[in-house]
């Protein structure tokens, strides 16, 4: 017979056991992912300190507990201190055999829809990337002609018109640069998986940043020295970290700031798909900066292509980061308030025969 603990851990939706004092007594794996926090860090804490519900729920919750009846709440925003709210349906019911305790199930509508459409969306994204790559290639050819023609014109016109031809050349080159970034999506090969010391990757990225775009930044290393080897493509992971360091440096501006590279091991963090399959992502890498934070109006869309908070940004850097992390079967999240922005990468560890350290 399958044990209750196995069933509890396998539930594909976030679930919480709430004790008679309204504290979290237990949370399943999906609940940890929803809160973006480990079971150890939330158990024993008041539930309404960990889960924010955009509805006057406390009175109805108390009545359901006193009367021993279920409570259903549809289409309500539910979030936490570590993630933006999602529209959810809540189901709360008494826990049989445990007077005063309740079980709460959170069904995020948007997340469920995304998971159900996962394969379709991925296929559509691949088709869109392929089309964008083809268009980028075709557009670059006439742009080269336009640039050349403008340069030839500049040799035979007066100084008063040079500004116009210079503008044509500059803007054409800017478009070519954008198209080259679009082509990166199609040209990026599948990761060549191998055991990777993530601290070596972080150190390479740190040294590269300090010699270039991050010369005005202070970069602090806060590593777990016993972290086991990750499983991924070291060059692609380096690209991810460099993009995140560059974003943090550009956000700080010319006055500079501080970036902290933090690694730790989270045994309970798992990625679970809608079909019930999943895998552990215990290796956590955080890039933390003290800049002004992400603009609130794009905070939930920053990993989408062409979404940027920078005046002349292309909005492709973080989209590329998200694609690489997804190709590694990993997870990336962002939390941001003024003065503290955290990008967290969650990665697989190398197979047992290749890695060392914690299980």
Protein backbone atom coordinates (compact mmCIF):
# COMPACT_ATOMS: atom_id res chain seq x y z
CA UNK A 1 0.00 0.00 0.00
CA UNK A 2 1.26 3.48 -0.85
CA UNK A 3 2.03 5.49 2.28
CA UNK A 4 0.30 8.76 3.14
CA UNK A 5 3.66 10.54 2.97
CA UNK A 6 4.23 9.44 -0.62
CA UNK A 7 0.76 10.67 -1.61
CA UNK A 8 1.35 13.95 0.23
CA UNK A 9 4.69 14.53 -1.51
CA UNK A 10 3.24 13.63 -4.92
CA UNK A 11 0.32 16.08 -4.88
CA UNK A 12 0.78 18.29 -7.98
CA UNK A 13 -0.71 21.37 -6.24
CA UNK A 14 0.51 23.33 -3.19
CA UNK A 15 -0.92 21.92 0.05
CA UNK A 16 -0.51 23.05 3.66
CA UNK A 17 -1.41 21.59 7.04
CA UNK A 18 -2.41 24.35 9.47
CA UNK A 19 -2.41 23.66 13.21
CA UNK A 20 -5.01 25.01 15.69
CA UNK A 21 -2.86 28.12 16.30
CA UNK A 22 -2.84 28.97 12.57
CA UNK A 23 0.76 27.91 12.14
CA UNK A 24 2.05 25.84 9.23
CA UNK A 25 2.51 22.28 10.50
CA UNK A 26 3.54 20.79 7.14
CA UNK A 27 3.89 21.70 3.48
CA UNK A 28 4.29 19.44 0.46
CA UNK A 29 6.90 19.76 -2.31
CA UNK A 30 4.58 21.78 -4.56
CA UNK A 31 3.89 24.13 -1.65
CA UNK A 32 7.62 24.72 -1.21
CA UNK A 33 7.87 25.62 -4.88
CA UNK A 34 4.86 27.94 -4.63
CA UNK A 35 6.31 29.78 -1.63
CA UNK A 36 9.81 29.64 -3.08
CA UNK A 37 10.91 28.53 0.38
CA UNK A 38 11.93 25.29 2.05
CA UNK A 39 9.73 23.29 4.42
CA UNK A 40 12.22 23.86 7.23
CA UNK A 41 12.00 27.64 6.86
CA UNK A 42 8.17 27.86 7.03
CA UNK A 43 7.02 25.10 9.39
CA UNK A 44 6.06 26.58 12.74
CA UNK A 45 5.46 30.06 11.34
CA UNK A 46 2.01 31.72 11.19
CA UNK A 47 0.35 30.79 7.92
CA UNK A 48 -0.84 34.32 7.13
CA UNK A 49 2.73 35.59 7.52
CA UNK A 50 3.82 33.20 4.77
CA UNK A 51 0.77 33.30 2.48
CA UNK A 52 -0.86 36.57 1.44
CA UNK A 53 -4.48 36.28 0.27
CA UNK A 54 -6.14 39.29 -1.34
CA UNK A 55 -9.49 38.68 0.38
CA UNK A 56 -10.97 39.02 3.91
CA UNK A 57 -10.44 35.35 4.66
CA UNK A 58 -9.74 35.17 8.41
CA UNK A 59 -13.37 35.34 9.57
CA UNK A 60 -14.58 32.71 7.10
CA UNK A 61 -11.57 30.54 7.99
CA UNK A 62 -12.38 30.74 11.69
CA UNK A 63 -16.04 29.89 11.02
CA UNK A 64 -15.08 26.87 8.90
CA UNK A 65 -12.82 25.61 11.69
CA UNK A 66 -15.46 26.07 14.39
CA UNK A 67 -18.20 24.44 12.35
CA UNK A 68 -16.01 21.70 10.90
CA UNK A 69 -17.05 22.56 7.33
CA UNK A 70 -15.03 23.06 4.14
CA UNK A 71 -14.35 26.51 2.73
CA UNK A 72 -13.97 27.24 -0.99
CA UNK A 73 -12.66 30.55 -2.37
CA UNK A 74 -12.37 31.07 -6.13
CA UNK A 75 -10.47 33.63 -8.20
CA UNK A 76 -8.42 35.24 -5.46
CA UNK A 77 -4.83 36.51 -5.64
CA UNK A 78 -2.46 34.47 -3.48
CA UNK A 79 1.24 35.23 -3.05
CA UNK A 80 4.05 35.27 -0.53
CA UNK A 81 7.00 37.42 0.44
CA UNK A 82 9.11 35.53 -2.10
CA UNK A 83 6.86 35.61 -5.14
CA UNK A 84 4.31 37.76 -6.95
CA UNK A 85 0.61 36.88 -6.46
CA UNK A 86 -1.16 34.41 -8.75
CA UNK A 87 -4.89 34.04 -9.24
CA UNK A 88 -5.87 30.87 -7.38
CA UNK A 89 -8.70 28.77 -6.06
CA UNK A 90 -8.45 27.88 -2.35
CA UNK A 91 -9.90 24.75 -0.75
CA UNK A 92 -9.76 24.54 3.04
CA UNK A 93 -11.15 21.65 5.06
CA UNK A 94 -10.87 20.20 8.59
CA UNK A 95 -8.17 17.56 9.01
CA UNK A 96 -9.93 14.41 10.18
CA UNK A 97 -8.66 13.08 13.48
CA UNK A 98 -6.87 16.33 14.36
CA UNK A 99 -9.30 18.77 16.02
CA UNK A 100 -8.63 22.37 15.10
CA UNK A 101 -6.19 21.52 12.31
CA UNK A 102 -6.99 22.33 8.70
CA UNK A 103 -5.67 21.37 5.29
CA UNK A 104 -5.43 24.09 2.67
CA UNK A 105 -4.96 23.37 -1.05
CA UNK A 106 -3.96 26.18 -3.39
CA UNK A 107 -4.75 25.74 -7.09
CA UNK A 108 -2.98 28.47 -9.12
CA UNK A 109 -5.05 28.90 -12.26
CA UNK A 110 -2.30 30.56 -14.30
CA UNK A 111 0.32 28.01 -13.25
CA UNK A 112 -1.99 25.08 -13.95
CA UNK A 113 -2.81 26.52 -17.36
CA UNK A 114 0.88 26.96 -18.14
CA UNK A 115 1.70 23.43 -17.05
CA UNK A 116 -1.15 21.98 -19.11
CA UNK A 117 -0.01 23.91 -22.14
CA UNK A 118 3.67 23.28 -21.46
CA UNK A 119 4.54 21.14 -24.45
CA UNK A 120 2.36 23.20 -26.81
CA UNK A 121 3.91 26.47 -25.63
CA UNK A 122 7.42 25.07 -25.94
CA UNK A 123 6.72 23.88 -29.48
CA UNK A 124 5.18 27.23 -30.41
CA UNK A 125 8.16 29.06 -28.91
CA UNK A 126 10.56 26.94 -30.93
CA UNK A 127 8.61 27.72 -34.10
CA UNK A 128 8.60 31.44 -33.29
CA UNK A 129 12.34 31.37 -32.61
CA UNK A 130 12.94 29.60 -35.92
CA UNK A 131 10.88 32.20 -37.79
CA UNK A 132 12.63 35.07 -35.99
CA UNK A 133 16.02 33.59 -36.86
CA UNK A 134 15.05 33.32 -40.54
CA UNK A 135 13.73 36.90 -40.63
CA UNK A 136 16.83 38.19 -38.87
CA UNK A 137 19.04 36.58 -41.48
CA UNK A 138 16.97 38.02 -44.35
CA UNK A 139 16.79 41.54 -42.87
CA UNK A 140 20.54 41.77 -42.24
CA UNK A 141 21.34 41.55 -45.97
CA UNK A 142 19.43 44.69 -47.10
CA UNK A 143 20.62 46.52 -43.97
CA UNK A 144 24.21 45.95 -45.09
CA UNK A 145 23.29 47.55 -48.42
CA UNK A 146 21.61 50.51 -46.72
CA UNK A 147 24.66 51.06 -44.51
CA UNK A 148 27.03 50.90 -47.47
CA UNK A 149 24.90 53.29 -49.50
CA UNK A 150 24.77 55.79 -46.62
CA UNK A 151 28.53 55.64 -46.25
CA UNK A 152 29.00 56.30 -49.98
CA UNK A 153 26.59 59.23 -49.83
CA UNK A 154 28.51 60.73 -46.92
CA UNK A 155 31.56 61.07 -49.18
CA UNK A 156 29.77 63.39 -51.60
CA UNK A 157 27.57 65.64 -49.45
CA UNK A 158 28.12 68.76 -47.44
CA UNK A 159 28.87 68.82 -43.71
CA UNK A 160 25.31 69.93 -42.94
CA UNK A 161 23.93 66.59 -44.23
CA UNK A 162 26.52 64.31 -42.65
CA UNK A 163 24.42 64.10 -39.52
CA UNK A 164 21.66 62.35 -41.49
CA UNK A 165 23.92 59.73 -43.07
CA UNK A 166 25.65 59.13 -39.73
CA UNK A 167 22.21 58.52 -38.21
CA UNK A 168 21.35 56.00 -40.94
CA UNK A 169 24.61 54.12 -40.36
CA UNK A 170 24.30 54.18 -36.56
CA UNK A 171 20.67 53.00 -36.55
CA UNK A 172 21.35 50.29 -39.12
CA UNK A 173 24.19 48.95 -37.00
CA UNK A 174 21.96 49.02 -33.93
CA UNK A 175 19.33 46.95 -35.75
CA UNK A 176 21.98 44.48 -36.93
CA UNK A 177 23.13 44.07 -33.33
CA UNK A 178 19.55 43.38 -32.24
CA UNK A 179 19.09 40.84 -35.04
CA UNK A 180 22.30 39.08 -34.03
CA UNK A 181 20.88 38.68 -30.53
CA UNK A 182 17.67 37.26 -32.00
CA UNK A 183 19.76 34.77 -33.98
CA UNK A 184 21.39 33.60 -30.75
CA UNK A 185 18.13 31.90 -29.75
CA UNK A 186 18.14 29.72 -32.83
CA UNK A 187 21.89 29.17 -32.88
CA UNK A 188 22.17 28.13 -29.23
CA UNK A 189 22.94 24.42 -29.24
CA UNK A 190 21.67 21.94 -26.69
CA UNK A 191 23.75 21.89 -23.50
CA UNK A 192 26.69 19.49 -23.39
CA UNK A 193 26.04 18.06 -19.95
CA UNK A 194 28.97 17.28 -17.70
CA UNK A 195 29.84 17.67 -14.00
CA UNK A 196 30.51 21.36 -13.32
CA UNK A 197 32.02 23.09 -10.30
CA UNK A 198 29.61 26.01 -10.16
CA UNK A 199 32.10 28.02 -8.09
CA UNK A 200 34.58 27.88 -10.96
CA UNK A 201 31.88 29.26 -13.27
CA UNK A 202 31.05 32.04 -10.81
CA UNK A 203 34.72 32.92 -10.37
CA UNK A 204 35.26 33.15 -14.15
CA UNK A 205 32.20 35.38 -14.46
CA UNK A 206 33.29 37.56 -11.52
CA UNK A 207 36.79 38.13 -12.91
CA UNK A 208 35.44 38.89 -16.37
CA UNK A 209 32.90 41.37 -14.97
CA UNK A 210 35.47 43.22 -12.85
CA UNK A 211 37.71 43.66 -15.89
CA UNK A 212 34.88 45.07 -18.00
CA UNK A 213 31.29 46.14 -17.42
CA UNK A 214 31.45 45.62 -13.64
CA UNK A 215 34.67 47.53 -12.99
CA UNK A 216 32.84 49.94 -10.68
CA UNK A 217 31.07 47.18 -8.75
CA UNK A 218 32.04 45.37 -5.56
CA UNK A 219 31.40 41.64 -5.98
CA UNK A 220 31.27 39.57 -2.79
CA UNK A 221 31.63 35.78 -2.76
CA UNK A 222 29.41 33.96 -0.25
CA UNK A 223 29.82 30.30 -1.13
CA UNK A 224 28.94 26.97 0.45
CA UNK A 225 32.32 25.20 0.09
CA UNK A 226 30.73 21.74 0.36
CA UNK A 227 28.38 22.29 -2.59
CA UNK A 228 28.46 19.22 -4.89
CA UNK A 229 29.05 19.41 -8.62
CA UNK A 230 26.27 20.72 -10.84
CA UNK A 231 25.18 18.99 -14.05
CA UNK A 232 25.25 21.26 -17.06
CA UNK A 233 27.16 23.02 -19.79
CA UNK A 234 29.86 25.23 -18.19
CA UNK A 235 30.01 27.68 -21.11
CA UNK A 236 26.26 28.20 -21.21
CA UNK A 237 26.06 28.55 -17.43
CA UNK A 238 28.86 31.12 -17.64
CA UNK A 239 26.77 33.05 -20.17
CA UNK A 240 23.81 33.00 -17.76
CA UNK A 241 25.85 34.38 -14.85
CA UNK A 242 27.56 37.01 -17.03
CA UNK A 243 24.18 38.25 -18.30
CA UNK A 244 22.85 38.53 -14.74
CA UNK A 245 26.00 40.31 -13.53
CA UNK A 246 25.78 42.72 -16.46
CA UNK A 247 22.13 43.50 -15.67
CA UNK A 248 23.01 44.17 -12.03
CA UNK A 249 25.94 46.41 -13.03
CA UNK A 250 23.87 48.41 -15.50
CA UNK A 251 21.10 48.85 -12.93
CA UNK A 252 23.58 50.30 -10.44
CA UNK A 253 24.69 52.99 -12.89
CA UNK A 254 28.06 54.77 -13.00
CA UNK A 255 28.12 55.19 -9.22
CA UNK A 256 28.55 51.43 -8.80
CA UNK A 257 27.17 49.18 -6.10
CA UNK A 258 27.52 45.76 -4.50
CA UNK A 259 26.73 42.33 -5.91
CA UNK A 260 26.75 39.23 -3.73
CA UNK A 261 27.21 35.75 -5.23
CA UNK A 262 25.58 33.30 -2.83
CA UNK A 263 25.44 29.51 -3.16
CA UNK A 264 23.75 26.98 -0.91
CA UNK A 265 22.23 23.49 -0.94
CA UNK A 266 18.46 23.05 -0.59
CA UNK A 267 17.71 19.33 -0.40
CA UNK A 268 13.92 19.65 -0.59
CA UNK A 269 13.66 21.86 -3.69
CA UNK A 270 12.04 19.92 -6.56
CA UNK A 271 10.62 20.82 -9.95
CA UNK A 272 7.33 19.01 -10.51
CA UNK A 273 5.50 18.86 -13.83
CA UNK A 274 1.79 18.50 -14.48
CA UNK A 275 2.20 14.83 -15.42
CA UNK A 276 3.57 14.07 -11.94
CA UNK A 277 7.17 13.65 -13.07
CA UNK A 278 9.92 15.83 -11.70
CA UNK A 279 13.44 16.01 -10.39
CA UNK A 280 15.45 17.54 -7.59
CA UNK A 281 17.09 20.96 -8.03
CA UNK A 282 19.15 21.23 -4.85
CA UNK A 283 21.92 23.57 -6.04
CA UNK A 284 20.95 27.20 -5.44
CA UNK A 285 22.87 30.16 -6.89
CA UNK A 286 21.79 33.70 -6.06
CA UNK A 287 22.97 36.92 -7.70
CA UNK A 288 21.97 39.69 -5.29
CA UNK A 289 22.43 43.41 -5.97
CA UNK A 290 21.60 46.58 -4.06
CA UNK A 291 20.38 48.54 -7.07
CA UNK A 292 17.05 50.35 -7.51
CA UNK A 293 15.13 47.15 -8.30
CA UNK A 294 13.08 45.99 -11.26
CA UNK A 295 10.34 48.29 -12.58
CA UNK A 296 7.07 47.16 -11.04
CA UNK A 297 5.16 47.17 -14.33
CA UNK A 298 7.45 44.53 -15.92
CA UNK A 299 8.47 42.57 -12.83
CA UNK A 300 6.35 39.54 -13.67
CA UNK A 301 7.36 39.51 -17.37
CA UNK A 302 11.11 40.09 -17.26
CA UNK A 303 11.95 36.70 -18.77
CA UNK A 304 9.76 37.31 -21.82
CA UNK A 305 11.49 38.40 -25.05
CA UNK A 306 11.59 42.15 -25.78
CA UNK A 307 10.62 43.13 -22.23
CA UNK A 308 13.20 45.53 -20.81
CA UNK A 309 13.43 48.13 -18.07
CA UNK A 310 16.35 49.89 -19.78
CA UNK A 311 15.80 52.82 -22.12
CA UNK A 312 17.66 51.22 -25.03
CA UNK A 313 17.44 47.62 -23.89
CA UNK A 314 16.54 44.85 -26.33
CA UNK A 315 14.81 42.68 -23.75
CA UNK A 316 16.65 39.59 -24.98
CA UNK A 317 19.29 39.08 -22.29
CA UNK A 318 16.99 37.66 -19.62
CA UNK A 319 14.95 35.77 -22.22
CA UNK A 320 18.16 34.02 -23.29
CA UNK A 321 19.01 33.33 -19.64
CA UNK A 322 15.58 31.76 -19.14
CA UNK A 323 16.00 29.60 -22.26
CA UNK A 324 19.40 28.29 -21.15
CA UNK A 325 18.15 27.50 -17.64
CA UNK A 326 15.10 25.74 -19.09
CA UNK A 327 17.34 23.69 -21.39
CA UNK A 328 19.22 22.62 -18.24
CA UNK A 329 15.91 21.46 -16.69
CA UNK A 330 16.51 24.12 -14.05
CA UNK A 331 14.47 26.94 -12.58
CA UNK A 332 15.04 30.69 -12.32
CA UNK A 333 13.15 33.23 -10.24
CA UNK A 334 13.51 36.92 -9.49
CA UNK A 335 12.56 38.88 -6.38
CA UNK A 336 12.96 42.64 -6.33
CA UNK A 337 12.39 45.57 -4.05
CA UNK A 338 14.30 48.85 -4.11
CA UNK A 339 17.74 48.16 -2.70
CA UNK A 340 17.63 44.38 -3.11
CA UNK A 341 17.13 42.31 -6.26
CA UNK A 342 17.72 38.55 -6.19
CA UNK A 343 17.97 36.26 -9.20
CA UNK A 344 17.97 32.65 -8.01
CA UNK A 345 19.08 29.73 -10.19
CA UNK A 346 18.13 26.20 -9.13
CA UNK A 347 20.12 23.46 -10.85
CA UNK A 348 20.50 19.70 -10.84
CA UNK A 349 23.47 18.07 -9.18
CA UNK A 350 25.77 15.80 -11.15
CA UNK A 351 25.02 12.05 -11.10
CA UNK A 352 26.24 10.29 -7.98
CA UNK A 353 29.17 8.65 -9.70
CA UNK A 354 30.43 12.06 -10.84
CA UNK A 355 29.60 14.35 -7.90
CA UNK A 356 30.79 14.61 -4.35
CA UNK A 357 29.49 16.19 -1.20
CA UNK A 358 25.93 16.39 0.06
CA UNK A 359 23.15 14.11 -1.05
